[in-house]
Amino acid sequence: MATVQHRGGITPPPTGRLAAWVAWMEHGEPRPVRGPFTRWPRISDVLLAAVVFVASVLAVAVSALPDGADLTWASVRDLPVGAFVLLALSAATLWWRRARPITVTAALLLVMLVWAIAGYGDGQDLVLVVAAYGIGRYVDDPRHGLAATAAILAVSLLGTVIDAHQRVDVLPAVLLTVLPWYVGRRVRNRGGYLALLQERAERLEAEQQARARQAVADERARIARELHDVVTHQVSMMTVQAGAAKTVARDDLDVAIEAMGDVEQAGRQALGELRVLLGVLRPDASDPEQLGPQPGLADVRALTDQLAHTGATVTLTLPALPSSLSAAVDLSAYRIIQESVTNIVKHAGPNPAVEVAVRLEEGALVIDVVNTVAAATPAGPDLPSSGFGIGGMRERATLLGGTLAAAPVPPNHYRVHARLPLEPERS
């Protein structure tokens, strides 16, 4: 079929029903192919019973015709009433062929015996084919299905012996019972296999969605932890320094200006760290300025200098760090110290004394941050707390295979102790 080309050799997109069909083919969700017997089982069974009844009546009428005679309405009308009744009963039993295939088989066997005794001739073959197929398709236990199929075959052969008008043909009788049963069994097995595949696919899809949701939740928690560590520390520093500048502005303007300079520096540092963090989140982040290095233990001294500018007395012990120190341990150690210092700024009161000690010990990096001033002294501004600081620090240590403890230490001190393995555990 030729394709109509428009200007520029561009074929216009399909419209109308064709467009809807193309869109469904390209974007629609795949659906299992289901036939009418699966989609409308009850309607299909009624239609099947009607077709079987009509076909059986015609078969009986044809078998009763003399040689060379044509089938007419009169030949159908002249059939015995009992034949119509038995054929109607046989067809009606097919309504239950899905739910009670064995019961349907037993009823058909009884009708077959009555049919043979009455001597109505041929006409039950189609019903037997449908019944044998139903046994193979809907009987769970294959042994019961084989027994029911054998019973149909036996009664069918017995009927040919009882009815003198029927010929004894063993091979056709076997084919009309065993072959439909085998086809039904194959269809059942294939349906079960496809159902199992669909169940596995749905389970795998559910597991993948669960893993994806968990990954998103973990990533959100990681981002929230990073944002908490960056923003909380810098904003706390800025708040304390701004409060100090406000306090001394009337008495010593130079000190107030210096404090506001510290506020500006803390804000710039917070913006820089946020820019790095948000730059990593961008899918097209290729700007080297946005992908700068994360802070580490080398930046702890600048951190303690910020704390000293708020009026704290800081003692820092920092050893020579090994070149093999992993980035994860380096960043986590910095964040733990940063969060500990932030908590001191929030809760320790004015002019605290702080000891920050980092040491290498038996394949681990040990961190101690101790507030050496009682926290009962009233602080300046009331700084809000997220409540996730200590939990975030502990989670950082746990993810690396380390430990973290944060608790009061007599007499009225507070200590954060973390131990991070130099080689983080791989999960």
Protein backbone atom coordinates (compact mmCIF):
# COMPACT_ATOMS: atom_id res chain seq x y z
CA MET A 1 0.00 0.00 0.00
CA ALA A 2 1.43 3.37 -1.07
CA THR A 3 2.13 6.04 1.51
CA VAL A 4 1.05 9.59 0.77
CA GLN A 5 3.99 11.94 1.08
CA HIS A 6 3.43 15.62 1.84
CA ARG A 7 5.75 18.53 1.38
CA GLY A 8 9.27 17.86 2.50
CA GLY A 9 8.73 14.11 2.32
CA ILE A 10 7.08 14.07 5.76
CA THR A 11 4.21 11.69 6.32
CA PRO A 12 1.48 13.24 8.48
CA PRO A 13 0.66 11.41 11.71
CA PRO A 14 -2.40 9.15 11.71
CA THR A 15 -5.69 10.57 12.91
CA GLY A 16 -9.00 9.26 14.19
CA ARG A 17 -9.28 5.62 15.24
CA LEU A 18 -5.97 4.79 13.60
CA ALA A 19 -4.23 7.37 15.77
CA ALA A 20 -5.84 5.93 18.90
CA TRP A 21 -4.80 2.42 17.90
CA VAL A 22 -1.22 3.51 17.17
CA ALA A 23 -1.02 5.35 20.50
CA TRP A 24 -2.28 2.27 22.34
CA MET A 25 0.25 0.07 20.53
CA GLU A 26 3.10 2.42 21.39
CA HIS A 27 2.20 3.47 24.91
CA GLY A 28 -0.57 1.19 26.14
CA GLU A 29 0.11 -1.35 28.85
CA PRO A 30 0.36 -4.93 27.59
CA ARG A 31 -2.67 -7.03 28.44
CA PRO A 32 -3.01 -10.79 28.45
CA VAL A 33 -4.74 -12.21 25.41
CA ARG A 34 -8.07 -13.70 26.52
CA GLY A 35 -10.58 -15.47 24.36
CA PRO A 36 -14.36 -15.28 24.70
CA PHE A 37 -14.47 -18.47 26.79
CA THR A 38 -12.26 -16.74 29.38
CA ARG A 39 -13.68 -13.24 29.13
CA TRP A 40 -17.39 -14.19 29.18
CA PRO A 41 -17.51 -17.74 30.60
CA ARG A 42 -21.24 -17.95 31.34
CA ILE A 43 -22.39 -16.48 28.05
CA SER A 44 -19.94 -18.74 26.25
CA ASP A 45 -21.27 -21.81 28.06
CA VAL A 46 -24.86 -20.94 27.13
CA LEU A 47 -23.91 -20.46 23.48
CA LEU A 48 -21.86 -23.66 23.54
CA ALA A 49 -24.77 -25.64 24.96
CA ALA A 50 -27.10 -24.22 22.29
CA VAL A 51 -24.65 -25.03 19.48
CA VAL A 52 -24.10 -28.54 20.82
CA PHE A 53 -27.85 -29.14 21.07
CA VAL A 54 -28.56 -27.96 17.51
CA ALA A 55 -25.60 -29.85 16.07
CA SER A 56 -26.57 -33.02 17.94
CA VAL A 57 -30.17 -32.81 16.70
CA LEU A 58 -28.94 -32.44 13.13
CA ALA A 59 -26.52 -35.33 13.60
CA VAL A 60 -29.30 -37.60 14.88
CA ALA A 61 -31.56 -36.56 12.01
CA VAL A 62 -28.82 -37.27 9.45
CA SER A 63 -28.03 -40.66 10.99
CA ALA A 64 -31.74 -41.62 10.77
CA LEU A 65 -32.04 -40.73 7.07
CA PRO A 66 -32.19 -43.55 4.50
CA ASP A 67 -29.30 -43.80 2.06
CA GLY A 68 -29.45 -41.04 -0.55
CA ALA A 69 -32.11 -38.98 1.26
CA ASP A 70 -31.66 -35.27 1.93
CA LEU A 71 -32.00 -33.57 5.28
CA THR A 72 -35.25 -31.65 5.57
CA TRP A 73 -37.20 -29.93 8.30
CA ALA A 74 -39.65 -32.83 8.25
CA SER A 75 -36.87 -35.31 9.04
CA VAL A 76 -35.87 -33.21 12.04
CA ARG A 77 -39.47 -32.77 13.15
CA ASP A 78 -40.11 -36.51 13.00
CA LEU A 79 -37.42 -37.34 15.57
CA PRO A 80 -38.72 -38.94 18.79
CA VAL A 81 -39.55 -36.58 21.60
CA GLY A 82 -37.32 -38.62 23.90
CA ALA A 83 -34.35 -37.90 21.66
CA PHE A 84 -34.99 -34.17 21.95
CA VAL A 85 -35.30 -34.46 25.72
CA LEU A 86 -32.08 -36.46 26.13
CA LEU A 87 -30.14 -34.17 23.81
CA ALA A 88 -31.45 -31.14 25.69
CA LEU A 89 -30.38 -32.69 29.01
CA SER A 90 -26.93 -33.51 27.62
CA ALA A 91 -26.45 -29.96 26.36
CA ALA A 92 -27.79 -28.42 29.58
CA THR A 93 -25.21 -30.26 31.70
CA LEU A 94 -22.46 -28.30 29.92
CA TRP A 95 -23.47 -25.26 31.98
CA TRP A 96 -21.64 -26.87 34.95
CA ARG A 97 -18.66 -28.22 32.98
CA ARG A 98 -16.23 -25.74 34.60
CA ALA A 99 -17.31 -26.03 38.22
CA ARG A 100 -18.31 -29.74 38.35
CA PRO A 101 -16.75 -31.60 35.43
CA ILE A 102 -16.94 -35.00 37.16
CA THR A 103 -20.64 -34.52 37.97
CA VAL A 104 -21.32 -33.48 34.38
CA THR A 105 -19.52 -36.61 33.17
CA ALA A 106 -21.61 -38.84 35.43
CA ALA A 107 -24.84 -37.22 34.18
CA LEU A 108 -23.73 -37.63 30.55
CA LEU A 109 -22.90 -41.30 31.13
CA LEU A 110 -26.40 -41.86 32.49
CA VAL A 111 -27.94 -40.07 29.49
CA MET A 112 -25.75 -42.14 27.14
CA LEU A 113 -26.97 -45.40 28.66
CA VAL A 114 -30.61 -44.31 28.36
CA TRP A 115 -29.91 -43.18 24.79
CA ALA A 116 -28.37 -46.53 23.87
CA ILE A 117 -31.20 -48.50 25.46
CA ALA A 118 -33.77 -46.37 23.61
CA GLY A 119 -31.94 -47.08 20.35
CA TYR A 120 -31.93 -43.52 19.02
CA GLY A 121 -28.74 -44.12 17.00
CA ASP A 122 -25.78 -41.72 16.66
CA GLY A 123 -25.82 -38.16 17.97
CA GLN A 124 -23.87 -38.00 21.25
CA ASP A 125 -20.38 -37.62 19.76
CA LEU A 126 -20.16 -33.82 20.01
CA VAL A 127 -21.34 -33.82 23.62
CA LEU A 128 -18.72 -36.44 24.46
CA VAL A 129 -15.99 -34.37 22.81
CA VAL A 130 -16.93 -31.29 24.83
CA ALA A 131 -17.20 -33.31 28.04
CA ALA A 132 -13.82 -35.00 27.52
CA TYR A 133 -12.20 -31.63 26.88
CA GLY A 134 -13.80 -30.25 30.05
CA ILE A 135 -12.41 -33.15 32.06
CA GLY A 136 -8.89 -32.45 30.86
CA ARG A 137 -9.27 -28.69 31.26
CA TYR A 138 -11.02 -28.38 34.61
CA VAL A 139 -10.27 -31.52 36.68
CA ASP A 140 -7.42 -30.85 39.10
CA ASP A 141 -6.26 -34.42 39.70
CA PRO A 142 -5.13 -36.04 36.42
CA ARG A 143 -5.93 -39.49 37.82
CA HIS A 144 -9.56 -38.53 38.27
CA GLY A 145 -9.56 -37.09 34.76
CA LEU A 146 -8.17 -40.29 33.27
CA ALA A 147 -10.73 -42.35 35.16
CA ALA A 148 -13.61 -40.16 33.92
CA THR A 149 -12.28 -40.29 30.35
CA ALA A 150 -11.98 -44.07 30.54
CA ALA A 151 -15.55 -44.25 31.83
CA ILE A 152 -16.78 -42.17 28.88
CA LEU A 153 -14.92 -44.44 26.48
CA ALA A 154 -16.26 -47.58 28.14
CA VAL A 155 -19.87 -46.38 28.15
CA SER A 156 -19.52 -45.21 24.56
CA LEU A 157 -18.34 -48.66 23.45
CA LEU A 158 -21.00 -50.30 25.60
CA GLY A 159 -23.65 -48.14 23.94
CA THR A 160 -22.59 -49.33 20.49
CA VAL A 161 -22.96 -52.91 21.69
CA ILE A 162 -26.41 -52.29 23.21
CA ASP A 163 -27.73 -50.29 20.25
CA ALA A 164 -27.92 -52.55 17.22
CA HIS A 165 -28.22 -49.50 14.94
CA GLN A 166 -24.70 -48.30 15.79
CA ARG A 167 -21.47 -49.71 14.43
CA VAL A 168 -18.73 -50.77 16.82
CA ASP A 169 -15.78 -48.55 15.86
CA VAL A 170 -13.15 -48.62 18.58
CA LEU A 171 -10.61 -46.25 17.03
CA PRO A 172 -13.03 -43.34 16.45
CA ALA A 173 -14.40 -43.77 19.96
CA VAL A 174 -10.90 -43.63 21.41
CA LEU A 175 -10.01 -40.55 19.37
CA LEU A 176 -13.24 -38.75 20.31
CA THR A 177 -12.51 -39.18 24.03
CA VAL A 178 -8.76 -39.37 24.58
CA LEU A 179 -7.74 -36.64 22.13
CA PRO A 180 -10.08 -33.93 23.54
CA TRP A 181 -9.01 -34.87 27.07
CA TYR A 182 -5.34 -34.53 26.09
CA VAL A 183 -5.94 -31.16 24.43
CA GLY A 184 -7.80 -29.91 27.51
CA ARG A 185 -4.99 -31.09 29.75
CA ARG A 186 -2.40 -29.32 27.65
CA VAL A 187 -4.42 -26.11 27.72
CA ARG A 188 -4.74 -26.40 31.50
CA ASN A 189 -1.01 -26.95 31.99
CA ARG A 190 -0.15 -24.06 29.71
CA GLY A 191 -2.63 -21.80 31.48
CA GLY A 192 -1.13 -22.74 34.83
CA TYR A 193 2.36 -22.08 33.51
CA LEU A 194 1.35 -18.67 32.15
CA ALA A 195 -0.40 -17.83 35.43
CA LEU A 196 2.77 -18.79 37.31
CA LEU A 197 4.86 -16.60 35.02
CA GLN A 198 2.46 -13.71 35.51
CA GLU A 199 2.53 -14.17 39.28
CA ARG A 200 6.32 -14.20 39.27
CA ALA A 201 6.42 -11.13 37.04
CA GLU A 202 4.01 -9.28 39.33
CA ARG A 203 6.02 -10.32 42.38
CA LEU A 204 9.28 -9.21 40.77
CA GLU A 205 7.70 -5.93 39.74
CA ALA A 206 6.41 -5.39 43.27
CA GLU A 207 9.88 -6.17 44.67
CA GLN A 208 11.50 -3.79 42.20
CA GLN A 209 9.05 -1.06 43.11
CA ALA A 210 9.69 -1.70 46.81
CA ARG A 211 13.46 -1.52 46.24
CA ALA A 212 13.02 1.65 44.21
CA ARG A 213 10.90 3.22 46.94
CA GLN A 214 13.46 2.20 49.55
CA ALA A 215 16.28 3.63 47.44
CA VAL A 216 14.38 6.90 47.10
CA ALA A 217 13.71 6.95 50.84
CA ASP A 218 17.38 6.25 51.61
CA GLU A 219 18.49 8.96 49.21
CA ARG A 220 16.03 11.40 50.72
CA ALA A 221 17.33 10.56 54.18
CA ARG A 222 20.91 11.05 53.01
CA ILE A 223 20.10 14.40 51.42
CA ALA A 224 18.14 15.48 54.48
CA ARG A 225 21.07 14.49 56.69
CA GLU A 226 23.52 16.48 54.54
CA LEU A 227 21.21 19.50 54.48
CA HIS A 228 20.74 19.26 58.22
CA ASP A 229 24.47 19.15 58.88
CA VAL A 230 25.23 22.00 56.50
CA VAL A 231 22.38 24.36 57.27
CA THR A 232 22.03 23.77 61.01
CA HIS A 233 25.68 24.39 61.80
CA GLN A 234 26.10 27.50 59.68
CA VAL A 235 22.76 29.02 60.66
CA SER A 236 23.48 28.37 64.33
CA MET A 237 26.84 30.09 63.98
CA MET A 238 25.26 33.00 62.13
CA THR A 239 22.53 33.36 64.77
CA VAL A 240 24.97 33.36 67.68
CA GLN A 241 27.35 35.79 65.98
CA ALA A 242 24.53 38.10 64.90
CA GLY A 243 23.23 38.10 68.48
CA ALA A 244 26.70 38.91 69.78
CA ALA A 245 27.07 41.72 67.24
CA LYS A 246 23.74 43.17 68.33
CA THR A 247 24.82 43.02 71.96
CA VAL A 248 28.17 44.80 71.54
CA ALA A 249 27.18 47.17 68.71
CA ARG A 250 26.58 50.16 71.01
CA ASP A 251 29.74 49.67 73.06
CA ASP A 252 32.27 48.42 70.50
CA LEU A 253 31.37 48.93 66.86
CA ASP A 254 34.57 47.33 65.59
CA VAL A 255 33.82 44.07 67.40
CA ALA A 256 30.27 44.14 66.06
CA ILE A 257 31.55 44.67 62.52
CA GLU A 258 33.97 41.76 62.97
CA ALA A 259 31.12 39.57 64.21
CA MET A 260 28.99 40.49 61.21
CA GLY A 261 31.94 39.61 58.99
CA ASP A 262 31.93 36.18 60.59
CA VAL A 263 28.20 35.97 59.86
CA GLU A 264 28.89 36.79 56.23
CA GLN A 265 31.66 34.20 56.06
CA ALA A 266 29.45 31.52 57.59
CA GLY A 267 26.69 32.34 55.11
CA ARG A 268 29.08 32.12 52.18
CA GLN A 269 30.38 28.77 53.39
CA ALA A 270 26.83 27.46 53.79
CA LEU A 271 25.95 28.60 50.28
CA GLY A 272 29.08 26.94 48.91
CA GLU A 273 28.32 23.60 50.55
CA LEU A 274 24.69 23.77 49.47
CA ARG A 275 25.78 24.54 45.92
CA VAL A 276 27.98 21.44 45.92
CA LEU A 277 25.21 19.27 47.35
CA LEU A 278 22.54 20.54 44.97
CA GLY A 279 24.94 20.35 42.04
CA VAL A 280 25.43 16.64 42.63
CA LEU A 281 21.66 16.18 42.53
CA ARG A 282 21.36 17.73 39.09
CA PRO A 283 21.31 15.08 36.32
CA ASP A 284 23.39 17.31 34.00
CA ALA A 285 25.77 18.60 36.63
CA SER A 286 29.04 18.95 34.74
CA ASP A 287 30.28 22.29 36.07
CA PRO A 288 33.47 21.66 38.09
CA GLU A 289 32.50 24.49 40.44
CA GLN A 290 29.27 22.69 41.27
CA LEU A 291 31.07 19.39 41.82
CA GLY A 292 33.69 20.65 44.23
CA PRO A 293 35.17 18.45 46.98
CA GLN A 294 33.18 17.68 50.09
CA PRO A 295 34.57 18.93 53.40
CA GLY A 296 36.76 16.65 55.47
CA LEU A 297 39.00 16.55 58.53
CA ALA A 298 41.31 19.05 56.87
CA ASP A 299 38.53 21.61 57.32
CA VAL A 300 38.00 20.94 61.03
CA ARG A 301 40.38 23.72 62.05
CA ALA A 302 38.30 26.27 60.15
CA LEU A 303 35.27 24.82 61.91
CA THR A 304 36.78 25.29 65.36
CA ASP A 305 37.94 28.79 64.42
CA GLN A 306 34.32 29.65 63.68
CA LEU A 307 33.39 28.30 67.09
CA ALA A 308 36.13 30.36 68.73
CA HIS A 309 34.74 33.52 67.16
CA THR A 310 31.52 32.97 69.10
CA GLY A 311 33.45 33.26 72.37
CA ALA A 312 34.21 29.60 72.97
CA THR A 313 37.58 28.31 74.13
CA VAL A 314 38.50 25.50 71.75
CA THR A 315 41.24 22.90 72.09
CA LEU A 316 41.85 20.91 68.92
CA THR A 317 43.97 17.77 68.64
CA LEU A 318 44.28 16.58 65.06
CA PRO A 319 46.87 13.95 64.01
CA ALA A 320 48.51 13.52 60.63
CA LEU A 321 45.93 11.78 58.51
CA PRO A 322 46.85 8.79 56.34
CA SER A 323 46.68 9.33 52.60
CA SER A 324 44.58 6.17 52.29
CA LEU A 325 41.75 7.65 54.38
CA SER A 326 38.54 7.05 52.45
CA ALA A 327 36.33 9.96 51.42
CA ALA A 328 33.36 8.43 53.26
CA VAL A 329 35.22 8.27 56.58
CA ASP A 330 36.69 11.74 56.02
CA LEU A 331 33.30 13.32 55.33
CA SER A 332 31.52 11.45 58.13
CA ALA A 333 34.16 12.44 60.67
CA TYR A 334 33.81 16.08 59.65
CA ARG A 335 30.01 15.95 59.84
CA ILE A 336 30.10 14.32 63.29
CA ILE A 337 32.41 17.04 64.61
CA GLN A 338 30.33 19.70 62.89
CA GLU A 339 27.09 18.45 64.43
CA SER A 340 28.70 18.14 67.87
CA VAL A 341 29.99 21.72 67.67
CA THR A 342 26.57 22.89 66.49
CA ASN A 343 24.90 21.27 69.50
CA ILE A 344 27.39 22.99 71.78
CA VAL A 345 26.59 26.37 70.22
CA LYS A 346 22.89 25.69 70.72
CA HIS A 347 22.85 24.31 74.23
CA ALA A 348 26.12 24.94 76.11
CA GLY A 349 25.55 28.57 76.97
CA PRO A 350 27.88 31.54 76.45
CA ASN A 351 31.68 31.16 76.35
CA PRO A 352 31.87 27.36 76.50
CA ALA A 353 35.13 25.43 76.61
CA VAL A 354 35.32 22.68 74.02
CA GLU A 355 37.83 19.89 73.46
CA VAL A 356 37.93 18.27 70.03
CA ALA A 357 40.29 15.31 69.82
CA VAL A 358 40.87 13.08 66.81
CA ARG A 359 43.26 10.13 66.98
CA LEU A 360 44.14 6.94 65.13
CA GLU A 361 43.69 3.80 67.16
CA GLU A 362 43.88 0.14 66.04
CA GLY A 363 42.68 0.62 62.49
CA ALA A 364 40.02 3.12 63.45
CA LEU A 365 39.52 6.85 63.62
CA VAL A 366 38.41 7.88 67.10
CA ILE A 367 36.64 11.19 67.68
CA ASP A 368 35.94 12.83 71.05
CA VAL A 369 34.11 16.12 71.40
CA VAL A 370 33.63 17.20 75.00
CA ASN A 371 31.86 20.27 76.30
CA THR A 372 33.74 21.18 79.48
CA VAL A 373 31.25 23.78 80.72
CA ALA A 374 28.01 22.98 82.50
CA ALA A 375 25.03 23.40 80.22
CA ALA A 376 22.93 24.96 82.95
CA THR A 377 24.15 28.44 82.09
CA PRO A 378 21.45 30.26 80.14
CA ALA A 379 22.29 30.66 76.48
CA GLY A 380 21.77 33.72 74.33
CA PRO A 381 19.23 33.18 71.57
CA ASP A 382 16.89 30.21 71.77
CA LEU A 383 17.88 28.14 68.74
CA PRO A 384 15.45 25.55 67.43
CA SER A 385 16.53 21.96 67.09
CA SER A 386 15.44 19.41 64.52
CA GLY A 387 15.90 16.52 66.92
CA PHE A 388 17.75 14.47 64.29
CA GLY A 389 21.35 15.56 65.00
CA ILE A 390 22.49 12.76 67.28
CA GLY A 391 20.49 10.20 65.32
CA GLY A 392 22.09 11.39 62.09
CA MET A 393 25.57 11.14 63.60
CA ARG A 394 24.87 7.65 64.88
CA GLU A 395 23.53 6.60 61.48
CA ARG A 396 26.65 7.91 59.76
CA ALA A 397 28.85 5.86 62.05
CA THR A 398 26.70 2.75 61.68
CA LEU A 399 26.76 2.92 57.88
CA LEU A 400 30.56 2.77 58.03
CA GLY A 401 30.55 -0.12 60.49
CA GLY A 402 31.45 2.11 63.42
CA THR A 403 29.83 3.24 66.65
CA LEU A 404 28.82 6.52 68.25
CA ALA A 405 27.79 7.38 71.78
CA ALA A 406 26.55 10.72 73.06
CA ALA A 407 25.82 11.14 76.75
CA PRO A 408 26.43 13.37 79.77
CA VAL A 409 29.69 12.84 81.64
CA PRO A 410 30.09 13.84 85.30
CA PRO A 411 30.38 16.51 86.52
CA ASN A 412 27.99 18.24 84.12
CA HIS A 413 29.96 17.65 80.94
CA TYR A 414 28.72 16.25 77.67
CA ARG A 415 30.71 13.94 75.44
CA VAL A 416 30.32 12.65 71.90
CA HIS A 417 32.51 9.61 71.23
CA ALA A 418 32.70 8.06 67.76
CA ARG A 419 34.80 5.23 66.40
CA LEU A 420 34.98 4.87 62.61
CA PRO A 421 36.91 2.03 60.96
CA LEU A 422 39.51 3.27 58.48
CA GLU A 423 38.22 0.72 55.98
CA PRO A 424 34.42 1.03 55.96
CA GLU A 425 32.38 -2.15 55.82
CA ARG A 426 30.90 -2.91 52.39
CA SER A 427 27.16 -3.63 52.51
